[in-house]
Amino acid sequence: MTAAGIATWVVRAGAAYAGIGLVFAAYLLARGLARFDAAAAQAGWGFKLLIVPGAVALWPLLWRRVRAGGPAPERNAHDRGAARAGR
């Protein structure tokens, strides 16, 4: 395969990823955001437009969060210390 063929494949893969991301972002703004962040779901359209680029770029991670249906559990040093202390 030539360099031009590889470059064409990379550009097409990137375009497909971005296309899927745009479709997911539309779903996220319409319905998915309310499934895991009620405050963000009530936000105005200005905020929602700001998160579109991130949703397009990170759609696989956000898709998992939407499917889970709730906020991600916090995992921090305080919680780990409390678990070790038997609380």
Protein backbone atom coordinates (compact mmCIF):
# COMPACT_ATOMS: atom_id res chain seq x y z
CA MET A 1 0.00 0.00 0.00
CA THR A 2 1.32 3.41 -0.91
CA ALA A 3 1.65 6.38 1.41
CA ALA A 4 -1.25 8.05 -0.38
CA GLY A 5 -3.40 4.98 0.17
CA ILE A 6 -2.57 4.93 3.87
CA ALA A 7 -3.26 8.64 4.18
CA THR A 8 -6.61 8.21 2.43
CA TRP A 9 -7.53 5.39 4.80
CA VAL A 10 -6.55 7.47 7.87
CA VAL A 11 -8.60 10.46 6.66
CA ARG A 12 -11.63 8.26 5.95
CA ALA A 13 -11.36 6.58 9.36
CA GLY A 14 -11.15 9.99 11.03
CA ALA A 15 -14.16 11.23 9.07
CA ALA A 16 -16.16 8.15 10.04
CA TYR A 17 -15.21 8.62 13.71
CA ALA A 18 -16.24 12.30 13.57
CA GLY A 19 -19.47 11.43 11.76
CA ILE A 20 -20.44 8.90 14.40
CA GLY A 21 -19.47 11.48 17.02
CA LEU A 22 -21.76 14.10 15.47
CA VAL A 23 -24.69 11.69 15.44
CA PHE A 24 -23.96 10.77 19.05
CA ALA A 25 -23.67 14.44 20.06
CA ALA A 26 -27.12 15.11 18.60
CA TYR A 27 -28.52 12.19 20.61
CA LEU A 28 -26.66 13.33 23.71
CA LEU A 29 -28.12 16.82 23.53
CA ALA A 30 -31.62 15.58 22.78
CA ARG A 31 -31.93 12.75 25.30
CA GLY A 32 -28.73 11.24 26.61
CA LEU A 33 -27.54 14.09 28.80
CA ALA A 34 -30.51 13.71 31.14
CA ARG A 35 -29.58 10.07 31.76
CA PHE A 36 -26.38 10.87 33.65
CA ASP A 37 -26.31 14.59 34.49
CA ALA A 38 -29.61 16.24 35.33
CA ALA A 39 -28.03 19.66 35.90
CA ALA A 40 -26.41 19.67 32.46
CA ALA A 41 -29.67 18.52 30.88
CA GLN A 42 -31.38 21.63 32.29
CA ALA A 43 -28.63 23.96 31.01
CA GLY A 44 -29.19 26.39 28.17
CA TRP A 45 -28.29 25.89 24.54
CA GLY A 46 -25.11 27.95 24.94
CA PHE A 47 -23.66 25.35 27.28
CA LYS A 48 -24.89 22.50 25.13
CA LEU A 49 -23.20 23.96 22.05
CA LEU A 50 -19.97 24.28 24.01
CA ILE A 51 -19.90 20.57 24.85
CA VAL A 52 -20.51 19.39 21.27
CA PRO A 53 -16.80 19.30 20.26
CA GLY A 54 -15.94 17.30 23.36
CA ALA A 55 -18.85 14.95 22.77
CA VAL A 56 -17.72 14.37 19.20
CA ALA A 57 -14.15 13.67 20.29
CA LEU A 58 -14.99 11.54 23.33
CA TRP A 59 -18.15 9.81 22.15
CA PRO A 60 -17.05 6.24 23.04
CA LEU A 61 -16.50 7.20 26.69
CA LEU A 62 -19.71 9.22 26.88
CA TRP A 63 -21.66 6.40 25.26
CA ARG A 64 -20.61 4.10 28.09
CA ARG A 65 -21.73 6.70 30.63
CA VAL A 66 -25.10 7.14 28.91
CA ARG A 67 -25.64 3.37 28.79
CA ALA A 68 -24.77 3.07 32.48
CA GLY A 69 -27.56 5.54 33.20
CA GLY A 70 -26.01 7.31 36.15
CA PRO A 71 -23.10 9.41 37.27
CA ALA A 72 -19.75 7.73 37.59
CA PRO A 73 -18.93 6.81 41.18
CA GLU A 74 -16.25 8.95 42.74
CA ARG A 75 -13.01 7.21 43.55
CA ASN A 76 -10.75 9.39 45.60
CA ALA A 77 -8.27 9.05 48.45
CA HIS A 78 -10.88 9.91 51.07
CA ASP A 79 -13.22 7.12 49.94
CA ARG A 80 -10.39 4.58 49.79
CA GLY A 81 -9.20 5.57 53.28
CA ALA A 82 -12.72 5.26 54.70
CA ALA A 83 -13.09 1.82 53.15
CA ARG A 84 -9.81 0.67 54.72
CA ALA A 85 -10.88 2.00 58.13
CA GLY A 86 -14.03 -0.12 57.94
CA ARG A 87 -16.50 2.72 57.80
